[in-house]
Amino acid sequence: MLVPDPKVVRELLTRYASLRIAQAERHHPAAARELEDVSYTLCVMMGTSAIHEAIAKADALLLTKGRSETADPDGENGLTLVG
């Protein structure tokens, strides 16, 4: 099974969150389309059909990768976006 690049997943999650915030503040058609695109991409990368499930899987991936990078001195420093 292919595992998505954690850096790409982290970027998509960040973009998704930013677009959701922007849409909550004020609806923008272009941002709505981009949010749909990012949501679709996250679903495809995580092998799901629902965005909430994709986010949960992405969070789990980042958490798992963060733990392994903490043990790896050549990793990104072990920081993740999940709390």
PDB file of N, CA and C in Angstrom:
ATOM      1  N   MET A   1       0.845  -1.187   0.000  1.00  0.00           N
ATOM      2  CA  MET A   1       0.000   0.000   0.000  1.00  0.00           C
ATOM      3  C   MET A   1       0.885   1.244   0.000  1.00  0.00           C
ATOM      4  N   LEU A   2       0.544   2.184  -0.826  1.00  0.00           N
ATOM      5  CA  LEU A   2       1.282   3.442  -0.880  1.00  0.00           C
ATOM      6  C   LEU A   2       0.894   4.328   0.298  1.00  0.00           C
ATOM      7  N   VAL A   3       1.893   4.962   0.892  1.00  0.00           N
ATOM      8  CA  VAL A   3       1.650   5.875   1.999  1.00  0.00           C
ATOM      9  C   VAL A   3       1.924   7.289   1.504  1.00  0.00           C
ATOM     10  N   PRO A   4       0.969   8.195   1.662  1.00  0.00           N
ATOM     11  CA  PRO A   4       1.170   9.571   1.203  1.00  0.00           C
ATOM     12  C   PRO A   4       2.326  10.242   1.938  1.00  0.00           C
ATOM     13  N   ASP A   5       2.981  11.161   1.260  1.00  0.00           N
ATOM     14  CA  ASP A   5       4.061  11.940   1.856  1.00  0.00           C
ATOM     15  C   ASP A   5       3.483  12.819   2.962  1.00  0.00           C
ATOM     16  N   PRO A   6       3.970  12.670   4.194  1.00  0.00           N
ATOM     17  CA  PRO A   6       3.438  13.468   5.299  1.00  0.00           C
ATOM     18  C   PRO A   6       3.520  14.980   5.062  1.00  0.00           C
ATOM     19  N   LYS A   7       4.547  15.425   4.365  1.00  0.00           N
ATOM     20  CA  LYS A   7       4.666  16.869   4.090  1.00  0.00           C
ATOM     21  C   LYS A   7       3.517  17.346   3.211  1.00  0.00           C
ATOM     22  N   VAL A   8       3.160  16.554   2.215  1.00  0.00           N
ATOM     23  CA  VAL A   8       2.061  16.909   1.319  1.00  0.00           C
ATOM     24  C   VAL A   8       0.738  16.862   2.087  1.00  0.00           C
ATOM     25  N   VAL A   9       0.568  15.844   2.896  1.00  0.00           N
ATOM     26  CA  VAL A   9      -0.656  15.723   3.697  1.00  0.00           C
ATOM     27  C   VAL A   9      -0.781  16.915   4.638  1.00  0.00           C
ATOM     28  N   ARG A  10       0.312  17.284   5.279  1.00  0.00           N
ATOM     29  CA  ARG A  10       0.295  18.430   6.197  1.00  0.00           C
ATOM     30  C   ARG A  10      -0.079  19.718   5.452  1.00  0.00           C
ATOM     31  N   GLU A  11       0.463  19.900   4.259  1.00  0.00           N
ATOM     32  CA  GLU A  11       0.141  21.084   3.456  1.00  0.00           C
ATOM     33  C   GLU A  11      -1.341  21.103   3.080  1.00  0.00           C
ATOM     34  N   LEU A  12      -1.876  19.957   2.694  1.00  0.00           N
ATOM     35  CA  LEU A  12      -3.295  19.881   2.332  1.00  0.00           C
ATOM     36  C   LEU A  12      -4.192  20.158   3.533  1.00  0.00           C
ATOM     37  N   LEU A  13      -3.838  19.601   4.694  1.00  0.00           N
ATOM     38  CA  LEU A  13      -4.633  19.867   5.894  1.00  0.00           C
ATOM     39  C   LEU A  13      -4.604  21.345   6.265  1.00  0.00           C
ATOM     40  N   THR A  14      -3.454  21.958   6.132  1.00  0.00           N
ATOM     41  CA  THR A  14      -3.324  23.393   6.423  1.00  0.00           C
ATOM     42  C   THR A  14      -4.173  24.205   5.456  1.00  0.00           C
ATOM     43  N   ARG A  15      -4.114  23.856   4.187  1.00  0.00           N
ATOM     44  CA  ARG A  15      -4.900  24.573   3.177  1.00  0.00           C
ATOM     45  C   ARG A  15      -6.396  24.364   3.419  1.00  0.00           C
ATOM     46  N   TYR A  16      -6.779  23.140   3.748  1.00  0.00           N
ATOM     47  CA  TYR A  16      -8.174  22.837   4.037  1.00  0.00           C
ATOM     48  C   TYR A  16      -8.673  23.702   5.195  1.00  0.00           C
ATOM     49  N   ALA A  17      -7.911  23.754   6.276  1.00  0.00           N
ATOM     50  CA  ALA A  17      -8.310  24.536   7.452  1.00  0.00           C
ATOM     51  C   ALA A  17      -8.416  26.019   7.112  1.00  0.00           C
ATOM     52  N   SER A  18      -7.466  26.534   6.364  1.00  0.00           N
ATOM     53  CA  SER A  18      -7.493  27.955   5.980  1.00  0.00           C
ATOM     54  C   SER A  18      -8.717  28.281   5.134  1.00  0.00           C
ATOM     55  N   LEU A  19      -9.035  27.405   4.204  1.00  0.00           N
ATOM     56  CA  LEU A  19     -10.194  27.627   3.343  1.00  0.00           C
ATOM     57  C   LEU A  19     -11.499  27.522   4.120  1.00  0.00           C
ATOM     58  N   ARG A  20     -11.568  26.593   5.065  1.00  0.00           N
ATOM     59  CA  ARG A  20     -12.779  26.477   5.892  1.00  0.00           C
ATOM     60  C   ARG A  20     -12.989  27.751   6.712  1.00  0.00           C
ATOM     61  N   ILE A  21     -11.911  28.283   7.260  1.00  0.00           N
ATOM     62  CA  ILE A  21     -12.003  29.523   8.032  1.00  0.00           C
ATOM     63  C   ILE A  21     -12.443  30.667   7.136  1.00  0.00           C
ATOM     64  N   ALA A  22     -11.847  30.782   5.965  1.00  0.00           N
ATOM     65  CA  ALA A  22     -12.208  31.849   5.029  1.00  0.00           C
ATOM     66  C   ALA A  22     -13.675  31.750   4.635  1.00  0.00           C
ATOM     67  N   GLN A  23     -14.149  30.533   4.394  1.00  0.00           N
ATOM     68  CA  GLN A  23     -15.555  30.346   4.015  1.00  0.00           C
ATOM     69  C   GLN A  23     -16.501  30.665   5.169  1.00  0.00           C
ATOM     70  N   ALA A  24     -16.077  30.386   6.382  1.00  0.00           N
ATOM     71  CA  ALA A  24     -16.921  30.690   7.547  1.00  0.00           C
ATOM     72  C   ALA A  24     -17.052  32.195   7.748  1.00  0.00           C
ATOM     73  N   GLU A  25     -15.993  32.922   7.425  1.00  0.00           N
ATOM     74  CA  GLU A  25     -16.018  34.372   7.571  1.00  0.00           C
ATOM     75  C   GLU A  25     -16.833  35.043   6.470  1.00  0.00           C
ATOM     76  N   ARG A  26     -16.647  34.570   5.249  1.00  0.00           N
ATOM     77  CA  ARG A  26     -17.365  35.142   4.110  1.00  0.00           C
ATOM     78  C   ARG A  26     -17.260  34.183   2.933  1.00  0.00           C
ATOM     79  N   HIS A  27     -18.399  33.876   2.324  1.00  0.00           N
ATOM     80  CA  HIS A  27     -18.425  32.940   1.206  1.00  0.00           C
ATOM     81  C   HIS A  27     -17.795  33.570  -0.031  1.00  0.00           C
ATOM     82  N   HIS A  28     -16.837  32.857  -0.595  1.00  0.00           N
ATOM     83  CA  HIS A  28     -16.198  33.261  -1.847  1.00  0.00           C
ATOM     84  C   HIS A  28     -16.297  32.077  -2.810  1.00  0.00           C
ATOM     85  N   PRO A  29     -16.904  32.261  -3.975  1.00  0.00           N
ATOM     86  CA  PRO A  29     -17.050  31.140  -4.914  1.00  0.00           C
ATOM     87  C   PRO A  29     -15.726  30.476  -5.290  1.00  0.00           C
ATOM     88  N   ALA A  30     -14.686  31.262  -5.498  1.00  0.00           N
ATOM     89  CA  ALA A  30     -13.393  30.683  -5.869  1.00  0.00           C
ATOM     90  C   ALA A  30     -12.827  29.842  -4.721  1.00  0.00           C
ATOM     91  N   ALA A  31     -12.960  30.346  -3.510  1.00  0.00           N
ATOM     92  CA  ALA A  31     -12.478  29.602  -2.344  1.00  0.00           C
ATOM     93  C   ALA A  31     -13.307  28.340  -2.139  1.00  0.00           C
ATOM     94  N   ALA A  32     -14.597  28.405  -2.420  1.00  0.00           N
ATOM     95  CA  ALA A  32     -15.463  27.231  -2.295  1.00  0.00           C
ATOM     96  C   ALA A  32     -15.022  26.138  -3.268  1.00  0.00           C
ATOM     97  N   ARG A  33     -14.679  26.531  -4.498  1.00  0.00           N
ATOM     98  CA  ARG A  33     -14.196  25.563  -5.482  1.00  0.00           C
ATOM     99  C   ARG A  33     -12.869  24.960  -5.044  1.00  0.00           C
ATOM    100  N   GLU A  34     -11.976  25.807  -4.538  1.00  0.00           N
ATOM    101  CA  GLU A  34     -10.682  25.314  -4.070  1.00  0.00           C
ATOM    102  C   GLU A  34     -10.858  24.378  -2.874  1.00  0.00           C
ATOM    103  N   LEU A  35     -11.789  24.695  -1.986  1.00  0.00           N
ATOM    104  CA  LEU A  35     -12.073  23.834  -0.839  1.00  0.00           C
ATOM    105  C   LEU A  35     -12.565  22.466  -1.317  1.00  0.00           C
ATOM    106  N   GLU A  36     -13.408  22.453  -2.323  1.00  0.00           N
ATOM    107  CA  GLU A  36     -13.874  21.185  -2.894  1.00  0.00           C
ATOM    108  C   GLU A  36     -12.703  20.395  -3.472  1.00  0.00           C
ATOM    109  N   ASP A  37     -11.800  21.084  -4.178  1.00  0.00           N
ATOM    110  CA  ASP A  37     -10.636  20.421  -4.767  1.00  0.00           C
ATOM    111  C   ASP A  37      -9.721  19.835  -3.691  1.00  0.00           C
ATOM    112  N   VAL A  38      -9.447  20.618  -2.655  1.00  0.00           N
ATOM    113  CA  VAL A  38      -8.575  20.153  -1.573  1.00  0.00           C
ATOM    114  C   VAL A  38      -9.231  18.990  -0.838  1.00  0.00           C
ATOM    115  N   SER A  39     -10.528  19.084  -0.606  1.00  0.00           N
ATOM    116  CA  SER A  39     -11.256  18.005   0.061  1.00  0.00           C
ATOM    117  C   SER A  39     -11.178  16.716  -0.756  1.00  0.00           C
ATOM    118  N   TYR A  40     -11.408  16.837  -2.047  1.00  0.00           N
ATOM    119  CA  TYR A  40     -11.338  15.675  -2.937  1.00  0.00           C
ATOM    120  C   TYR A  40      -9.940  15.066  -2.912  1.00  0.00           C
ATOM    121  N   THR A  41      -8.920  15.911  -3.001  1.00  0.00           N
ATOM    122  CA  THR A  41      -7.544  15.432  -3.007  1.00  0.00           C
ATOM    123  C   THR A  41      -7.206  14.708  -1.707  1.00  0.00           C
ATOM    124  N   LEU A  42      -7.620  15.275  -0.579  1.00  0.00           N
ATOM    125  CA  LEU A  42      -7.388  14.606   0.705  1.00  0.00           C
ATOM    126  C   LEU A  42      -8.077  13.238   0.739  1.00  0.00           C
ATOM    127  N   CYS A  43      -9.307  13.183   0.258  1.00  0.00           N
ATOM    128  CA  CYS A  43     -10.039  11.911   0.239  1.00  0.00           C
ATOM    129  C   CYS A  43      -9.318  10.875  -0.618  1.00  0.00           C
ATOM    130  N   VAL A  44      -8.862  11.276  -1.791  1.00  0.00           N
ATOM    131  CA  VAL A  44      -8.160  10.347  -2.676  1.00  0.00           C
ATOM    132  C   VAL A  44      -6.852   9.889  -2.032  1.00  0.00           C
ATOM    133  N   MET A  45      -6.082  10.828  -1.497  1.00  0.00           N
ATOM    134  CA  MET A  45      -4.793  10.467  -0.886  1.00  0.00           C
ATOM    135  C   MET A  45      -4.955   9.528   0.295  1.00  0.00           C
ATOM    136  N   MET A  46      -6.018   9.704   1.055  1.00  0.00           N
ATOM    137  CA  MET A  46      -6.214   8.905   2.263  1.00  0.00           C
ATOM    138  C   MET A  46      -7.099   7.687   2.010  1.00  0.00           C
ATOM    139  N   GLY A  47      -7.590   7.532   0.781  1.00  0.00           N
ATOM    140  CA  GLY A  47      -8.386   6.357   0.424  1.00  0.00           C
ATOM    141  C   GLY A  47      -9.763   6.330   1.064  1.00  0.00           C
ATOM    142  N   THR A  48     -10.397   7.497   1.145  1.00  0.00           N
ATOM    143  CA  THR A  48     -11.729   7.593   1.745  1.00  0.00           C
ATOM    144  C   THR A  48     -12.675   8.296   0.785  1.00  0.00           C
ATOM    145  N   SER A  49     -13.954   8.277   1.141  1.00  0.00           N
ATOM    146  CA  SER A  49     -14.930   8.999   0.326  1.00  0.00           C
ATOM    147  C   SER A  49     -15.556  10.167   1.093  1.00  0.00           C
ATOM    148  N   ALA A  50     -15.197  10.304   2.374  1.00  0.00           N
ATOM    149  CA  ALA A  50     -15.742  11.385   3.202  1.00  0.00           C
ATOM    150  C   ALA A  50     -14.599  12.210   3.797  1.00  0.00           C
ATOM    151  N   ILE A  51     -14.744  13.517   3.763  1.00  0.00           N
ATOM    152  CA  ILE A  51     -13.668  14.406   4.209  1.00  0.00           C
ATOM    153  C   ILE A  51     -13.349  14.210   5.689  1.00  0.00           C
ATOM    154  N   HIS A  52     -14.350  13.989   6.524  1.00  0.00           N
ATOM    155  CA  HIS A  52     -14.077  13.812   7.956  1.00  0.00           C
ATOM    156  C   HIS A  52     -13.220  12.570   8.208  1.00  0.00           C
ATOM    157  N   GLU A  53     -13.495  11.522   7.457  1.00  0.00           N
ATOM    158  CA  GLU A  53     -12.692  10.302   7.568  1.00  0.00           C
ATOM    159  C   GLU A  53     -11.279  10.547   7.033  1.00  0.00           C
ATOM    160  N   ALA A  54     -11.168  11.303   5.946  1.00  0.00           N
ATOM    161  CA  ALA A  54      -9.854  11.618   5.379  1.00  0.00           C
ATOM    162  C   ALA A  54      -9.019  12.428   6.367  1.00  0.00           C
ATOM    163  N   ILE A  55      -9.641  13.380   7.031  1.00  0.00           N
ATOM    164  CA  ILE A  55      -8.928  14.194   8.017  1.00  0.00           C
ATOM    165  C   ILE A  55      -8.461  13.327   9.181  1.00  0.00           C
ATOM    166  N   ALA A  56      -9.319  12.432   9.648  1.00  0.00           N
ATOM    167  CA  ALA A  56      -8.939  11.544  10.750  1.00  0.00           C
ATOM    168  C   ALA A  56      -7.753  10.662  10.361  1.00  0.00           C
ATOM    169  N   LYS A  57      -7.793  10.117   9.150  1.00  0.00           N
ATOM    170  CA  LYS A  57      -6.685   9.276   8.687  1.00  0.00           C
ATOM    171  C   LYS A  57      -5.410  10.108   8.492  1.00  0.00           C
ATOM    172  N   ALA A  58      -5.558  11.316   7.997  1.00  0.00           N
ATOM    173  CA  ALA A  58      -4.394  12.187   7.806  1.00  0.00           C
ATOM    174  C   ALA A  58      -3.773  12.541   9.154  1.00  0.00           C
ATOM    175  N   ASP A  59      -4.609  12.851  10.130  1.00  0.00           N
ATOM    176  CA  ASP A  59      -4.106  13.142  11.479  1.00  0.00           C
ATOM    177  C   ASP A  59      -3.358  11.938  12.051  1.00  0.00           C
ATOM    178  N   ALA A  60      -3.920  10.756  11.869  1.00  0.00           N
ATOM    179  CA  ALA A  60      -3.275   9.536  12.368  1.00  0.00           C
ATOM    180  C   ALA A  60      -1.941   9.308  11.668  1.00  0.00           C
ATOM    181  N   LEU A  61      -1.897   9.538  10.367  1.00  0.00           N
ATOM    182  CA  LEU A  61      -0.654   9.389   9.614  1.00  0.00           C
ATOM    183  C   LEU A  61       0.411  10.342  10.147  1.00  0.00           C
ATOM    184  N   LEU A  62       0.035  11.598  10.341  1.00  0.00           N
ATOM    185  CA  LEU A  62       1.001  12.583  10.828  1.00  0.00           C
ATOM    186  C   LEU A  62       1.461  12.263  12.247  1.00  0.00           C
ATOM    187  N   LEU A  63       0.552  11.783  13.061  1.00  0.00           N
ATOM    188  CA  LEU A  63       0.916  11.416  14.426  1.00  0.00           C
ATOM    189  C   LEU A  63       1.900  10.249  14.408  1.00  0.00           C
ATOM    190  N   THR A  64       1.623   9.240  13.602  1.00  0.00           N
ATOM    191  CA  THR A  64       2.506   8.078  13.491  1.00  0.00           C
ATOM    192  C   THR A  64       3.864   8.480  12.935  1.00  0.00           C
ATOM    193  N   LYS A  65       3.867   9.269  11.885  1.00  0.00           N
ATOM    194  CA  LYS A  65       5.124   9.712  11.288  1.00  0.00           C
ATOM    195  C   LYS A  65       5.888  10.609  12.248  1.00  0.00           C
ATOM    196  N   GLY A  66       5.181  11.437  12.997  1.00  0.00           N
ATOM    197  CA  GLY A  66       5.832  12.317  13.966  1.00  0.00           C
ATOM    198  C   GLY A  66       6.550  11.534  15.037  1.00  0.00           C
ATOM    199  N   ARG A  67       5.937  10.454  15.485  1.00  0.00           N
ATOM    200  CA  ARG A  67       6.572   9.605  16.501  1.00  0.00           C
ATOM    201  C   ARG A  67       7.813   8.939  15.952  1.00  0.00           C
ATOM    202  N   SER A  68       7.751   8.450  14.712  1.00  0.00           N
ATOM    203  CA  SER A  68       8.917   7.779  14.143  1.00  0.00           C
ATOM    204  C   SER A  68      10.029   8.777  13.831  1.00  0.00           C
ATOM    205  N   GLU A  69       9.675   9.996  13.482  1.00  0.00           N
ATOM    206  CA  GLU A  69      10.697  11.013  13.208  1.00  0.00           C
ATOM    207  C   GLU A  69      11.365  11.487  14.486  1.00  0.00           C
ATOM    208  N   THR A  70      10.662  11.456  15.593  1.00  0.00           N
ATOM    209  CA  THR A  70      11.253  11.827  16.868  1.00  0.00           C
ATOM    210  C   THR A  70      12.384  10.870  17.205  1.00  0.00           C
ATOM    211  N   ALA A  71      12.191   9.610  16.879  1.00  0.00           N
ATOM    212  CA  ALA A  71      13.219   8.616  17.136  1.00  0.00           C
ATOM    213  C   ALA A  71      14.323   8.662  16.087  1.00  0.00           C
ATOM    214  N   ASP A  72      14.060   9.311  14.952  1.00  0.00           N
ATOM    215  CA  ASP A  72      15.011   9.394  13.855  1.00  0.00           C
ATOM    216  C   ASP A  72      15.685  10.755  13.863  1.00  0.00           C
ATOM    217  N   PRO A  73      16.995  10.818  14.139  1.00  0.00           N
ATOM    218  CA  PRO A  73      17.675  12.111  14.186  1.00  0.00           C
ATOM    219  C   PRO A  73      17.699  12.845  12.852  1.00  0.00           C
ATOM    220  N   ASP A  74      17.423  12.138  11.747  1.00  0.00           N
ATOM    221  CA  ASP A  74      17.399  12.792  10.437  1.00  0.00           C
ATOM    222  C   ASP A  74      16.000  13.245  10.053  1.00  0.00           C
ATOM    223  N   GLY A  75      15.013  13.114  10.955  1.00  0.00           N
ATOM    224  CA  GLY A  75      13.628  13.498  10.685  1.00  0.00           C
ATOM    225  C   GLY A  75      13.452  15.001  10.741  1.00  0.00           C
ATOM    226  N   GLU A  76      12.198  15.432  10.606  1.00  0.00           N
ATOM    227  CA  GLU A  76      11.873  16.859  10.572  1.00  0.00           C
ATOM    228  C   GLU A  76      11.859  17.505  11.939  1.00  0.00           C
ATOM    229  N   ASN A  77      12.058  16.824  12.990  1.00  0.00           N
ATOM    230  CA  ASN A  77      12.108  17.253  14.394  1.00  0.00           C
ATOM    231  C   ASN A  77      10.938  16.702  15.195  1.00  0.00           C
ATOM    232  N   GLY A  78      10.106  15.873  14.558  1.00  0.00           N
ATOM    233  CA  GLY A  78       9.044  15.216  15.293  1.00  0.00           C
ATOM    234  C   GLY A  78       7.795  16.054  15.522  1.00  0.00           C
ATOM    235  N   LEU A  79       7.727  17.264  15.028  1.00  0.00           N
ATOM    236  CA  LEU A  79       6.546  18.109  15.236  1.00  0.00           C
ATOM    237  C   LEU A  79       5.461  17.726  14.246  1.00  0.00           C
ATOM    238  N   THR A  80       4.222  17.726  14.728  1.00  0.00           N
ATOM    239  CA  THR A  80       3.075  17.467  13.869  1.00  0.00           C
ATOM    240  C   THR A  80       2.020  18.526  14.118  1.00  0.00           C
ATOM    241  N   LEU A  81       1.009  18.540  13.276  1.00  0.00           N
ATOM    242  CA  LEU A  81      -0.094  19.484  13.443  1.00  0.00           C
ATOM    243  C   LEU A  81      -1.184  18.928  14.339  1.00  0.00           C
ATOM    244  N   VAL A  82      -1.089  17.659  14.677  1.00  0.00           N
ATOM    245  CA  VAL A  82      -2.096  17.071  15.545  1.00  0.00           C
ATOM    246  C   VAL A  82      -1.690  17.228  16.991  1.00  0.00           C
ATOM    247  N   GLY A  83      -2.683  17.383  17.855  1.00  0.00           N
ATOM    248  CA  GLY A  83      -2.369  17.653  19.242  1.00  0.00           C
ATOM    249  C   GLY A  83      -2.649  16.511  20.084  1.00  0.00           C
TER     250      GLY A  83
END
